[in-house]
Amino acid sequence: MRTLAPTIGLLVCSNIFMTFAWYAHLRDLRTRPLVLAILVSWGIAFFEYVLQVPANRIGFSTFSLAQLKVMQEVVTLAVFVPFAAFYMQQPLKLDFLWAALCLVGAVYFVFRG
């Protein structure tokens, strides 16, 4: 359990950067040249890797690769839904709930036993 909090904390922070790198240009740079959007996204993604690589190294000392991947997917959805709703002003959909329930199943199967 000593590795759970830092692993999840770093994954959350890294995923915030990655979500912005992947999607914020759709709102903020849509009228700018594509190459600029790519360069800005790469710059943001750098910080994602600065956090994600240590998260996975710390986590891999305790968790399996599959467990780390499922953890990342849960974090991704937990970060993406508020980002989509608040930053991108997209409506919340019931599909987010169904996706979350599927991830609950994934967590169960990958962490059981």
PDB file of N, CA and C in Angstrom:
ATOM      1  N   MET A   1       0.802  -1.197   0.000  1.00  0.00           N
ATOM      2  CA  MET A   1       0.000   0.000   0.000  1.00  0.00           C
ATOM      3  C   MET A   1       0.850   1.268   0.000  1.00  0.00           C
ATOM      4  N   ARG A   2       2.113   1.146   0.384  1.00  0.00           N
ATOM      5  CA  ARG A   2       2.991   2.321   0.408  1.00  0.00           C
ATOM      6  C   ARG A   2       3.214   2.901  -0.977  1.00  0.00           C
ATOM      7  N   THR A   3       3.065   2.088  -1.984  1.00  0.00           N
ATOM      8  CA  THR A   3       3.287   2.580  -3.342  1.00  0.00           C
ATOM      9  C   THR A   3       1.996   3.029  -4.025  1.00  0.00           C
ATOM     10  N   LEU A   4       0.842   2.706  -3.458  1.00  0.00           N
ATOM     11  CA  LEU A   4      -0.427   3.033  -4.112  1.00  0.00           C
ATOM     12  C   LEU A   4      -0.644   4.542  -4.229  1.00  0.00           C
ATOM     13  N   ALA A   5      -0.504   5.270  -3.128  1.00  0.00           N
ATOM     14  CA  ALA A   5      -0.766   6.717  -3.147  1.00  0.00           C
ATOM     15  C   ALA A   5       0.174   7.469  -4.095  1.00  0.00           C
ATOM     16  N   PRO A   6       1.496   7.258  -4.022  1.00  0.00           N
ATOM     17  CA  PRO A   6       2.343   7.991  -4.964  1.00  0.00           C
ATOM     18  C   PRO A   6       2.101   7.584  -6.418  1.00  0.00           C
ATOM     19  N   THR A   7       1.809   6.315  -6.636  1.00  0.00           N
ATOM     20  CA  THR A   7       1.548   5.857  -8.002  1.00  0.00           C
ATOM     21  C   THR A   7       0.308   6.538  -8.556  1.00  0.00           C
ATOM     22  N   ILE A   8      -0.774   6.497  -7.812  1.00  0.00           N
ATOM     23  CA  ILE A   8      -2.017   7.116  -8.288  1.00  0.00           C
ATOM     24  C   ILE A   8      -1.871   8.632  -8.375  1.00  0.00           C
ATOM     25  N   GLY A   9      -1.234   9.229  -7.407  1.00  0.00           N
ATOM     26  CA  GLY A   9      -1.038  10.686  -7.436  1.00  0.00           C
ATOM     27  C   GLY A   9      -0.266  11.141  -8.666  1.00  0.00           C
ATOM     28  N   LEU A  10       0.833  10.445  -8.958  1.00  0.00           N
ATOM     29  CA  LEU A  10       1.620  10.794 -10.143  1.00  0.00           C
ATOM     30  C   LEU A  10       0.849  10.499 -11.432  1.00  0.00           C
ATOM     31  N   LEU A  11       0.084   9.401 -11.448  1.00  0.00           N
ATOM     32  CA  LEU A  11      -0.714   9.087 -12.638  1.00  0.00           C
ATOM     33  C   LEU A  11      -1.794  10.140 -12.877  1.00  0.00           C
ATOM     34  N   VAL A  12      -2.419  10.616 -11.820  1.00  0.00           N
ATOM     35  CA  VAL A  12      -3.432  11.665 -11.969  1.00  0.00           C
ATOM     36  C   VAL A  12      -2.794  12.930 -12.536  1.00  0.00           C
ATOM     37  N   CYS A  13      -1.690  13.349 -11.952  1.00  0.00           N
ATOM     38  CA  CYS A  13      -1.021  14.565 -12.432  1.00  0.00           C
ATOM     39  C   CYS A  13      -0.546  14.402 -13.876  1.00  0.00           C
ATOM     40  N   SER A  14       0.035  13.267 -14.192  1.00  0.00           N
ATOM     41  CA  SER A  14       0.515  13.051 -15.557  1.00  0.00           C
ATOM     42  C   SER A  14      -0.641  13.027 -16.536  1.00  0.00           C
ATOM     43  N   ASN A  15      -1.761  12.455 -16.117  1.00  0.00           N
ATOM     44  CA  ASN A  15      -2.906  12.368 -17.018  1.00  0.00           C
ATOM     45  C   ASN A  15      -3.548  13.720 -17.252  1.00  0.00           C
ATOM     46  N   ILE A  16      -3.489  14.605 -16.291  1.00  0.00           N
ATOM     47  CA  ILE A  16      -3.977  15.966 -16.510  1.00  0.00           C
ATOM     48  C   ILE A  16      -3.181  16.613 -17.639  1.00  0.00           C
ATOM     49  N   PHE A  17      -1.852  16.494 -17.576  1.00  0.00           N
ATOM     50  CA  PHE A  17      -1.016  17.041 -18.653  1.00  0.00           C
ATOM     51  C   PHE A  17      -1.345  16.392 -19.992  1.00  0.00           C
ATOM     52  N   MET A  18      -1.491  15.067 -19.999  1.00  0.00           N
ATOM     53  CA  MET A  18      -1.725  14.369 -21.259  1.00  0.00           C
ATOM     54  C   MET A  18      -3.081  14.718 -21.851  1.00  0.00           C
ATOM     55  N   THR A  19      -4.079  14.854 -21.021  1.00  0.00           N
ATOM     56  CA  THR A  19      -5.408  15.218 -21.515  1.00  0.00           C
ATOM     57  C   THR A  19      -5.361  16.594 -22.177  1.00  0.00           C
ATOM     58  N   PHE A  20      -4.663  17.527 -21.552  1.00  0.00           N
ATOM     59  CA  PHE A  20      -4.507  18.845 -22.173  1.00  0.00           C
ATOM     60  C   PHE A  20      -3.699  18.752 -23.462  1.00  0.00           C
ATOM     61  N   ALA A  21      -2.657  17.942 -23.462  1.00  0.00           N
ATOM     62  CA  ALA A  21      -1.835  17.793 -24.670  1.00  0.00           C
ATOM     63  C   ALA A  21      -2.662  17.214 -25.817  1.00  0.00           C
ATOM     64  N   TRP A  22      -3.520  16.275 -25.532  1.00  0.00           N
ATOM     65  CA  TRP A  22      -4.292  15.601 -26.576  1.00  0.00           C
ATOM     66  C   TRP A  22      -5.480  16.411 -27.059  1.00  0.00           C
ATOM     67  N   TYR A  23      -6.139  17.161 -26.152  1.00  0.00           N
ATOM     68  CA  TYR A  23      -7.432  17.742 -26.519  1.00  0.00           C
ATOM     69  C   TYR A  23      -7.552  19.258 -26.409  1.00  0.00           C
ATOM     70  N   ALA A  24      -6.767  19.934 -25.598  1.00  0.00           N
ATOM     71  CA  ALA A  24      -6.953  21.379 -25.397  1.00  0.00           C
ATOM     72  C   ALA A  24      -6.754  22.179 -26.685  1.00  0.00           C
ATOM     73  N   HIS A  25      -5.901  21.690 -27.575  1.00  0.00           N
ATOM     74  CA  HIS A  25      -5.684  22.416 -28.833  1.00  0.00           C
ATOM     75  C   HIS A  25      -6.955  22.491 -29.674  1.00  0.00           C
ATOM     76  N   LEU A  26      -7.896  21.563 -29.454  1.00  0.00           N
ATOM     77  CA  LEU A  26      -9.158  21.592 -30.200  1.00  0.00           C
ATOM     78  C   LEU A  26      -9.971  22.839 -29.861  1.00  0.00           C
ATOM     79  N   ARG A  27      -9.777  23.343 -28.660  1.00  0.00           N
ATOM     80  CA  ARG A  27     -10.471  24.560 -28.244  1.00  0.00           C
ATOM     81  C   ARG A  27      -9.592  25.798 -28.417  1.00  0.00           C
ATOM     82  N   ASP A  28      -8.347  25.688 -27.989  1.00  0.00           N
ATOM     83  CA  ASP A  28      -7.496  26.872 -27.882  1.00  0.00           C
ATOM     84  C   ASP A  28      -6.678  27.191 -29.125  1.00  0.00           C
ATOM     85  N   LEU A  29      -6.387  26.205 -29.938  1.00  0.00           N
ATOM     86  CA  LEU A  29      -5.514  26.430 -31.097  1.00  0.00           C
ATOM     87  C   LEU A  29      -6.165  26.021 -32.413  1.00  0.00           C
ATOM     88  N   ARG A  30      -7.465  25.899 -32.438  1.00  0.00           N
ATOM     89  CA  ARG A  30      -8.120  25.371 -33.641  1.00  0.00           C
ATOM     90  C   ARG A  30      -7.951  26.249 -34.870  1.00  0.00           C
ATOM     91  N   THR A  31      -7.696  27.546 -34.676  1.00  0.00           N
ATOM     92  CA  THR A  31      -7.502  28.437 -35.829  1.00  0.00           C
ATOM     93  C   THR A  31      -6.028  28.639 -36.157  1.00  0.00           C
ATOM     94  N   ARG A  32      -5.159  28.011 -35.397  1.00  0.00           N
ATOM     95  CA  ARG A  32      -3.708  28.148 -35.601  1.00  0.00           C
ATOM     96  C   ARG A  32      -3.206  27.030 -36.490  1.00  0.00           C
ATOM     97  N   PRO A  33      -2.013  27.199 -37.052  1.00  0.00           N
ATOM     98  CA  PRO A  33      -1.458  26.131 -37.893  1.00  0.00           C
ATOM     99  C   PRO A  33      -1.287  24.822 -37.112  1.00  0.00           C
ATOM    100  N   LEU A  34      -1.488  23.721 -37.809  1.00  0.00           N
ATOM    101  CA  LEU A  34      -1.385  22.400 -37.194  1.00  0.00           C
ATOM    102  C   LEU A  34      -0.020  22.187 -36.548  1.00  0.00           C
ATOM    103  N   VAL A  35       1.030  22.623 -37.200  1.00  0.00           N
ATOM    104  CA  VAL A  35       2.378  22.423 -36.655  1.00  0.00           C
ATOM    105  C   VAL A  35       2.520  23.101 -35.290  1.00  0.00           C
ATOM    106  N   LEU A  36       1.892  24.245 -35.101  1.00  0.00           N
ATOM    107  CA  LEU A  36       1.938  24.921 -33.804  1.00  0.00           C
ATOM    108  C   LEU A  36       1.212  24.089 -32.747  1.00  0.00           C
ATOM    109  N   ALA A  37       0.040  23.551 -33.114  1.00  0.00           N
ATOM    110  CA  ALA A  37      -0.704  22.700 -32.173  1.00  0.00           C
ATOM    111  C   ALA A  37       0.124  21.477 -31.795  1.00  0.00           C
ATOM    112  N   ILE A  38       0.808  20.903 -32.757  1.00  0.00           N
ATOM    113  CA  ILE A  38       1.650  19.724 -32.488  1.00  0.00           C
ATOM    114  C   ILE A  38       2.788  20.082 -31.543  1.00  0.00           C
ATOM    115  N   LEU A  39       3.465  21.187 -31.803  1.00  0.00           N
ATOM    116  CA  LEU A  39       4.594  21.586 -30.958  1.00  0.00           C
ATOM    117  C   LEU A  39       4.147  21.916 -29.533  1.00  0.00           C
ATOM    118  N   VAL A  40       3.037  22.615 -29.411  1.00  0.00           N
ATOM    119  CA  VAL A  40       2.521  22.927 -28.073  1.00  0.00           C
ATOM    120  C   VAL A  40       2.130  21.631 -27.354  1.00  0.00           C
ATOM    121  N   SER A  41       1.471  20.729 -28.059  1.00  0.00           N
ATOM    122  CA  SER A  41       1.077  19.453 -27.455  1.00  0.00           C
ATOM    123  C   SER A  41       2.290  18.644 -27.013  1.00  0.00           C
ATOM    124  N   TRP A  42       3.329  18.628 -27.831  1.00  0.00           N
ATOM    125  CA  TRP A  42       4.559  17.923 -27.441  1.00  0.00           C
ATOM    126  C   TRP A  42       5.174  18.554 -26.196  1.00  0.00           C
ATOM    127  N   GLY A  43       5.160  19.872 -26.127  1.00  0.00           N
ATOM    128  CA  GLY A  43       5.701  20.552 -24.948  1.00  0.00           C
ATOM    129  C   GLY A  43       4.945  20.182 -23.680  1.00  0.00           C
ATOM    130  N   ILE A  44       3.634  20.112 -23.785  1.00  0.00           N
ATOM    131  CA  ILE A  44       2.810  19.720 -22.629  1.00  0.00           C
ATOM    132  C   ILE A  44       3.041  18.250 -22.289  1.00  0.00           C
ATOM    133  N   ALA A  45       3.126  17.422 -23.319  1.00  0.00           N
ATOM    134  CA  ALA A  45       3.305  15.975 -23.110  1.00  0.00           C
ATOM    135  C   ALA A  45       4.636  15.659 -22.431  1.00  0.00           C
ATOM    136  N   PHE A  46       5.635  16.500 -22.616  1.00  0.00           N
ATOM    137  CA  PHE A  46       6.916  16.291 -21.936  1.00  0.00           C
ATOM    138  C   PHE A  46       6.693  16.155 -20.428  1.00  0.00           C
ATOM    139  N   PHE A  47       5.884  17.060 -19.875  1.00  0.00           N
ATOM    140  CA  PHE A  47       5.641  17.048 -18.437  1.00  0.00           C
ATOM    141  C   PHE A  47       4.821  15.826 -18.022  1.00  0.00           C
ATOM    142  N   GLU A  48       3.984  15.342 -18.939  1.00  0.00           N
ATOM    143  CA  GLU A  48       3.255  14.105 -18.663  1.00  0.00           C
ATOM    144  C   GLU A  48       4.240  12.970 -18.448  1.00  0.00           C
ATOM    145  N   TYR A  49       5.236  12.863 -19.314  1.00  0.00           N
ATOM    146  CA  TYR A  49       6.210  11.775 -19.192  1.00  0.00           C
ATOM    147  C   TYR A  49       7.098  11.939 -17.968  1.00  0.00           C
ATOM    148  N   VAL A  50       7.378  13.180 -17.587  1.00  0.00           N
ATOM    149  CA  VAL A  50       8.184  13.427 -16.384  1.00  0.00           C
ATOM    150  C   VAL A  50       7.495  12.847 -15.149  1.00  0.00           C
ATOM    151  N   LEU A  51       6.175  12.801 -15.166  1.00  0.00           N
ATOM    152  CA  LEU A  51       5.415  12.253 -14.044  1.00  0.00           C
ATOM    153  C   LEU A  51       5.019  10.797 -14.241  1.00  0.00           C
ATOM    154  N   GLN A  52       4.702  10.425 -15.471  1.00  0.00           N
ATOM    155  CA  GLN A  52       4.202   9.079 -15.752  1.00  0.00           C
ATOM    156  C   GLN A  52       5.283   8.015 -15.601  1.00  0.00           C
ATOM    157  N   VAL A  53       6.484   8.301 -16.059  1.00  0.00           N
ATOM    158  CA  VAL A  53       7.557   7.300 -15.973  1.00  0.00           C
ATOM    159  C   VAL A  53       7.868   6.948 -14.513  1.00  0.00           C
ATOM    160  N   PRO A  54       8.044   7.933 -13.628  1.00  0.00           N
ATOM    161  CA  PRO A  54       8.259   7.561 -12.220  1.00  0.00           C
ATOM    162  C   PRO A  54       7.039   6.857 -11.610  1.00  0.00           C
ATOM    163  N   ALA A  55       5.833   7.257 -11.999  1.00  0.00           N
ATOM    164  CA  ALA A  55       4.632   6.594 -11.477  1.00  0.00           C
ATOM    165  C   ALA A  55       4.668   5.110 -11.800  1.00  0.00           C
ATOM    166  N   ASN A  56       4.984   4.785 -13.038  1.00  0.00           N
ATOM    167  CA  ASN A  56       5.019   3.377 -13.430  1.00  0.00           C
ATOM    168  C   ASN A  56       6.186   2.631 -12.787  1.00  0.00           C
ATOM    169  N   ARG A  57       7.316   3.292 -12.621  1.00  0.00           N
ATOM    170  CA  ARG A  57       8.447   2.634 -11.952  1.00  0.00           C
ATOM    171  C   ARG A  57       8.127   2.344 -10.494  1.00  0.00           C
ATOM    172  N   ILE A  58       7.524   3.324  -9.819  1.00  0.00           N
ATOM    173  CA  ILE A  58       7.139   3.120  -8.418  1.00  0.00           C
ATOM    174  C   ILE A  58       6.084   2.024  -8.333  1.00  0.00           C
ATOM    175  N   GLY A  59       5.064   2.120  -9.171  1.00  0.00           N
ATOM    176  CA  GLY A  59       3.966   1.163  -9.132  1.00  0.00           C
ATOM    177  C   GLY A  59       4.382  -0.252  -9.472  1.00  0.00           C
ATOM    178  N   PHE A  60       5.320  -0.389 -10.416  1.00  0.00           N
ATOM    179  CA  PHE A  60       5.731  -1.720 -10.864  1.00  0.00           C
ATOM    180  C   PHE A  60       6.471  -2.497  -9.787  1.00  0.00           C
ATOM    181  N   SER A  61       6.906  -1.799  -8.736  1.00  0.00           N
ATOM    182  CA  SER A  61       7.542  -2.511  -7.632  1.00  0.00           C
ATOM    183  C   SER A  61       6.522  -3.313  -6.813  1.00  0.00           C
ATOM    184  N   THR A  62       5.249  -2.968  -6.965  1.00  0.00           N
ATOM    185  CA  THR A  62       4.186  -3.634  -6.208  1.00  0.00           C
ATOM    186  C   THR A  62       3.115  -4.254  -7.100  1.00  0.00           C
ATOM    187  N   PHE A  63       2.780  -3.580  -8.187  1.00  0.00           N
ATOM    188  CA  PHE A  63       1.663  -3.982  -9.036  1.00  0.00           C
ATOM    189  C   PHE A  63       2.155  -4.626 -10.317  1.00  0.00           C
ATOM    190  N   SER A  64       1.306  -5.464 -10.889  1.00  0.00           N
ATOM    191  CA  SER A  64       1.642  -6.072 -12.176  1.00  0.00           C
ATOM    192  C   SER A  64       1.439  -5.048 -13.292  1.00  0.00           C
ATOM    193  N   LEU A  65       1.948  -5.360 -14.444  1.00  0.00           N
ATOM    194  CA  LEU A  65       1.784  -4.487 -15.602  1.00  0.00           C
ATOM    195  C   LEU A  65       0.303  -4.289 -15.930  1.00  0.00           C
ATOM    196  N   ALA A  66      -0.480  -5.366 -15.881  1.00  0.00           N
ATOM    197  CA  ALA A  66      -1.922  -5.271 -16.146  1.00  0.00           C
ATOM    198  C   ALA A  66      -2.619  -4.389 -15.115  1.00  0.00           C
ATOM    199  N   GLN A  67      -2.227  -4.508 -13.862  1.00  0.00           N
ATOM    200  CA  GLN A  67      -2.827  -3.675 -12.824  1.00  0.00           C
ATOM    201  C   GLN A  67      -2.492  -2.204 -13.042  1.00  0.00           C
ATOM    202  N   LEU A  68      -1.251  -1.921 -13.419  1.00  0.00           N
ATOM    203  CA  LEU A  68      -0.869  -0.537 -13.725  1.00  0.00           C
ATOM    204  C   LEU A  68      -1.685   0.017 -14.892  1.00  0.00           C
ATOM    205  N   LYS A  69      -1.894  -0.793 -15.918  1.00  0.00           N
ATOM    206  CA  LYS A  69      -2.647  -0.348 -17.085  1.00  0.00           C
ATOM    207  C   LYS A  69      -4.098  -0.048 -16.729  1.00  0.00           C
ATOM    208  N   VAL A  70      -4.726  -0.920 -15.963  1.00  0.00           N
ATOM    209  CA  VAL A  70      -6.109  -0.689 -15.566  1.00  0.00           C
ATOM    210  C   VAL A  70      -6.204   0.543 -14.668  1.00  0.00           C
ATOM    211  N   MET A  71      -5.239   0.697 -13.758  1.00  0.00           N
ATOM    212  CA  MET A  71      -5.196   1.899 -12.923  1.00  0.00           C
ATOM    213  C   MET A  71      -5.153   3.151 -13.796  1.00  0.00           C
ATOM    214  N   GLN A  72      -4.309   3.110 -14.811  1.00  0.00           N
ATOM    215  CA  GLN A  72      -4.179   4.254 -15.719  1.00  0.00           C
ATOM    216  C   GLN A  72      -5.493   4.538 -16.432  1.00  0.00           C
ATOM    217  N   GLU A  73      -6.205   3.522 -16.843  1.00  0.00           N
ATOM    218  CA  GLU A  73      -7.474   3.721 -17.543  1.00  0.00           C
ATOM    219  C   GLU A  73      -8.527   4.327 -16.613  1.00  0.00           C
ATOM    220  N   VAL A  74      -8.552   3.900 -15.360  1.00  0.00           N
ATOM    221  CA  VAL A  74      -9.473   4.479 -14.392  1.00  0.00           C
ATOM    222  C   VAL A  74      -9.133   5.950 -14.173  1.00  0.00           C
ATOM    223  N   VAL A  75      -7.855   6.243 -14.018  1.00  0.00           N
ATOM    224  CA  VAL A  75      -7.412   7.622 -13.850  1.00  0.00           C
ATOM    225  C   VAL A  75      -7.764   8.446 -15.088  1.00  0.00           C
ATOM    226  N   THR A  76      -7.566   7.872 -16.265  1.00  0.00           N
ATOM    227  CA  THR A  76      -7.876   8.586 -17.502  1.00  0.00           C
ATOM    228  C   THR A  76      -9.334   9.020 -17.538  1.00  0.00           C
ATOM    229  N   LEU A  77     -10.236   8.123 -17.211  1.00  0.00           N
ATOM    230  CA  LEU A  77     -11.656   8.475 -17.220  1.00  0.00           C
ATOM    231  C   LEU A  77     -11.969   9.491 -16.124  1.00  0.00           C
ATOM    232  N   ALA A  78     -11.365   9.327 -14.960  1.00  0.00           N
ATOM    233  CA  ALA A  78     -11.604  10.251 -13.851  1.00  0.00           C
ATOM    234  C   ALA A  78     -11.117  11.663 -14.179  1.00  0.00           C
ATOM    235  N   VAL A  79     -10.079  11.773 -14.976  1.00  0.00           N
ATOM    236  CA  VAL A  79      -9.567  13.083 -15.395  1.00  0.00           C
ATOM    237  C   VAL A  79     -10.344  13.605 -16.602  1.00  0.00           C
ATOM    238  N   PHE A  80     -10.661  12.716 -17.532  1.00  0.00           N
ATOM    239  CA  PHE A  80     -11.285  13.146 -18.785  1.00  0.00           C
ATOM    240  C   PHE A  80     -12.687  13.700 -18.600  1.00  0.00           C
ATOM    241  N   VAL A  81     -13.495  13.074 -17.760  1.00  0.00           N
ATOM    242  CA  VAL A  81     -14.889  13.509 -17.609  1.00  0.00           C
ATOM    243  C   VAL A  81     -14.971  14.954 -17.108  1.00  0.00           C
ATOM    244  N   PRO A  82     -14.274  15.334 -16.033  1.00  0.00           N
ATOM    245  CA  PRO A  82     -14.330  16.752 -15.635  1.00  0.00           C
ATOM    246  C   PRO A  82     -13.707  17.683 -16.691  1.00  0.00           C
ATOM    247  N   PHE A  83     -12.641  17.233 -17.349  1.00  0.00           N
ATOM    248  CA  PHE A  83     -12.030  18.040 -18.412  1.00  0.00           C
ATOM    249  C   PHE A  83     -13.037  18.298 -19.530  1.00  0.00           C
ATOM    250  N   ALA A  84     -13.711  17.249 -19.963  1.00  0.00           N
ATOM    251  CA  ALA A  84     -14.689  17.391 -21.048  1.00  0.00           C
ATOM    252  C   ALA A  84     -15.834  18.301 -20.631  1.00  0.00           C
ATOM    253  N   ALA A  85     -16.312  18.127 -19.414  1.00  0.00           N
ATOM    254  CA  ALA A  85     -17.465  18.903 -18.962  1.00  0.00           C
ATOM    255  C   ALA A  85     -17.114  20.360 -18.686  1.00  0.00           C
ATOM    256  N   PHE A  86     -16.035  20.598 -17.953  1.00  0.00           N
ATOM    257  CA  PHE A  86     -15.743  21.958 -17.508  1.00  0.00           C
ATOM    258  C   PHE A  86     -14.867  22.745 -18.483  1.00  0.00           C
ATOM    259  N   TYR A  87     -13.827  22.133 -18.987  1.00  0.00           N
ATOM    260  CA  TYR A  87     -12.904  22.859 -19.871  1.00  0.00           C
ATOM    261  C   TYR A  87     -13.410  22.909 -21.305  1.00  0.00           C
ATOM    262  N   MET A  88     -13.853  21.767 -21.803  1.00  0.00           N
ATOM    263  CA  MET A  88     -14.313  21.707 -23.196  1.00  0.00           C
ATOM    264  C   MET A  88     -15.809  21.995 -23.325  1.00  0.00           C
ATOM    265  N   GLN A  89     -16.505  22.128 -22.194  1.00  0.00           N
ATOM    266  CA  GLN A  89     -17.927  22.461 -22.168  1.00  0.00           C
ATOM    267  C   GLN A  89     -18.783  21.460 -22.958  1.00  0.00           C
ATOM    268  N   GLN A  90     -18.438  20.199 -22.825  1.00  0.00           N
ATOM    269  CA  GLN A  90     -19.194  19.118 -23.451  1.00  0.00           C
ATOM    270  C   GLN A  90     -20.236  18.620 -22.453  1.00  0.00           C
ATOM    271  N   PRO A  91     -21.387  18.206 -22.933  1.00  0.00           N
ATOM    272  CA  PRO A  91     -22.403  17.707 -21.994  1.00  0.00           C
ATOM    273  C   PRO A  91     -21.983  16.371 -21.389  1.00  0.00           C
ATOM    274  N   LEU A  92     -22.325  16.185 -20.127  1.00  0.00           N
ATOM    275  CA  LEU A  92     -22.106  14.884 -19.489  1.00  0.00           C
ATOM    276  C   LEU A  92     -23.112  13.905 -20.075  1.00  0.00           C
ATOM    277  N   LYS A  93     -22.660  12.705 -20.333  1.00  0.00           N
ATOM    278  CA  LYS A  93     -23.531  11.701 -20.931  1.00  0.00           C
ATOM    279  C   LYS A  93     -23.590  10.473 -20.039  1.00  0.00           C
ATOM    280  N   LEU A  94     -24.683   9.771 -20.134  1.00  0.00           N
ATOM    281  CA  LEU A  94     -24.845   8.533 -19.393  1.00  0.00           C
ATOM    282  C   LEU A  94     -23.785   7.509 -19.803  1.00  0.00           C
ATOM    283  N   ASP A  95     -23.263   7.636 -21.004  1.00  0.00           N
ATOM    284  CA  ASP A  95     -22.214   6.720 -21.478  1.00  0.00           C
ATOM    285  C   ASP A  95     -20.967   6.776 -20.596  1.00  0.00           C
ATOM    286  N   PHE A  96     -20.702   7.925 -19.971  1.00  0.00           N
ATOM    287  CA  PHE A  96     -19.560   8.011 -19.061  1.00  0.00           C
ATOM    288  C   PHE A  96     -19.770   7.072 -17.871  1.00  0.00           C
ATOM    289  N   LEU A  97     -20.990   6.997 -17.393  1.00  0.00           N
ATOM    290  CA  LEU A  97     -21.309   6.089 -16.285  1.00  0.00           C
ATOM    291  C   LEU A  97     -21.114   4.640 -16.708  1.00  0.00           C
ATOM    292  N   TRP A  98     -21.590   4.277 -17.897  1.00  0.00           N
ATOM    293  CA  TRP A  98     -21.426   2.900 -18.368  1.00  0.00           C
ATOM    294  C   TRP A  98     -19.942   2.561 -18.530  1.00  0.00           C
ATOM    295  N   ALA A  99     -19.170   3.514 -19.055  1.00  0.00           N
ATOM    296  CA  ALA A  99     -17.729   3.289 -19.192  1.00  0.00           C
ATOM    297  C   ALA A  99     -17.090   3.079 -17.816  1.00  0.00           C
ATOM    298  N   ALA A 100     -17.511   3.886 -16.848  1.00  0.00           N
ATOM    299  CA  ALA A 100     -16.977   3.746 -15.488  1.00  0.00           C
ATOM    300  C   ALA A 100     -17.330   2.388 -14.903  1.00  0.00           C
ATOM    301  N   LEU A 101     -18.532   1.925 -15.146  1.00  0.00           N
ATOM    302  CA  LEU A 101     -18.919   0.605 -14.640  1.00  0.00           C
ATOM    303  C   LEU A 101     -18.101  -0.509 -15.288  1.00  0.00           C
ATOM    304  N   CYS A 102     -17.802  -0.357 -16.562  1.00  0.00           N
ATOM    305  CA  CYS A 102     -16.927  -1.336 -17.229  1.00  0.00           C
ATOM    306  C   CYS A 102     -15.537  -1.333 -16.586  1.00  0.00           C
ATOM    307  N   LEU A 103     -15.047  -0.155 -16.234  1.00  0.00           N
ATOM    308  CA  LEU A 103     -13.739  -0.079 -15.580  1.00  0.00           C
ATOM    309  C   LEU A 103     -13.775  -0.671 -14.180  1.00  0.00           C
ATOM    310  N   VAL A 104     -14.883  -0.530 -13.496  1.00  0.00           N
ATOM    311  CA  VAL A 104     -15.016  -1.182 -12.180  1.00  0.00           C
ATOM    312  C   VAL A 104     -14.867  -2.687 -12.360  1.00  0.00           C
ATOM    313  N   GLY A 105     -15.487  -3.222 -13.391  1.00  0.00           N
ATOM    314  CA  GLY A 105     -15.312  -4.650 -13.691  1.00  0.00           C
ATOM    315  C   GLY A 105     -13.875  -4.990 -14.006  1.00  0.00           C
ATOM    316  N   ALA A 106     -13.211  -4.151 -14.776  1.00  0.00           N
ATOM    317  CA  ALA A 106     -11.796  -4.380 -15.102  1.00  0.00           C
ATOM    318  C   ALA A 106     -10.943  -4.365 -13.846  1.00  0.00           C
ATOM    319  N   VAL A 107     -11.207  -3.420 -12.964  1.00  0.00           N
ATOM    320  CA  VAL A 107     -10.456  -3.347 -11.704  1.00  0.00           C
ATOM    321  C   VAL A 107     -10.676  -4.632 -10.896  1.00  0.00           C
ATOM    322  N   TYR A 108     -11.909  -5.063 -10.825  1.00  0.00           N
ATOM    323  CA  TYR A 108     -12.201  -6.291 -10.085  1.00  0.00           C
ATOM    324  C   TYR A 108     -11.393  -7.469 -10.636  1.00  0.00           C
ATOM    325  N   PHE A 109     -11.447  -7.656 -11.943  1.00  0.00           N
ATOM    326  CA  PHE A 109     -10.794  -8.829 -12.520  1.00  0.00           C
ATOM    327  C   PHE A 109      -9.276  -8.762 -12.456  1.00  0.00           C
ATOM    328  N   VAL A 110      -8.715  -7.583 -12.610  1.00  0.00           N
ATOM    329  CA  VAL A 110      -7.257  -7.502 -12.618  1.00  0.00           C
ATOM    330  C   VAL A 110      -6.656  -7.527 -11.214  1.00  0.00           C
ATOM    331  N   PHE A 111      -7.453  -7.126 -10.204  1.00  0.00           N
ATOM    332  CA  PHE A 111      -6.925  -7.094  -8.841  1.00  0.00           C
ATOM    333  C   PHE A 111      -7.382  -8.264  -7.974  1.00  0.00           C
ATOM    334  N   ARG A 112      -8.283  -9.108  -8.468  1.00  0.00           N
ATOM    335  CA  ARG A 112      -8.750 -10.220  -7.628  1.00  0.00           C
ATOM    336  C   ARG A 112      -7.632 -11.253  -7.477  1.00  0.00           C
ATOM    337  N   GLY A 113      -7.663 -11.949  -6.414  1.00  0.00           N
ATOM    338  CA  GLY A 113      -6.702 -13.018  -6.183  1.00  0.00           C
ATOM    339  C   GLY A 113      -5.359 -12.488  -5.970  1.00  0.00           C
TER     340      GLY A 113
END
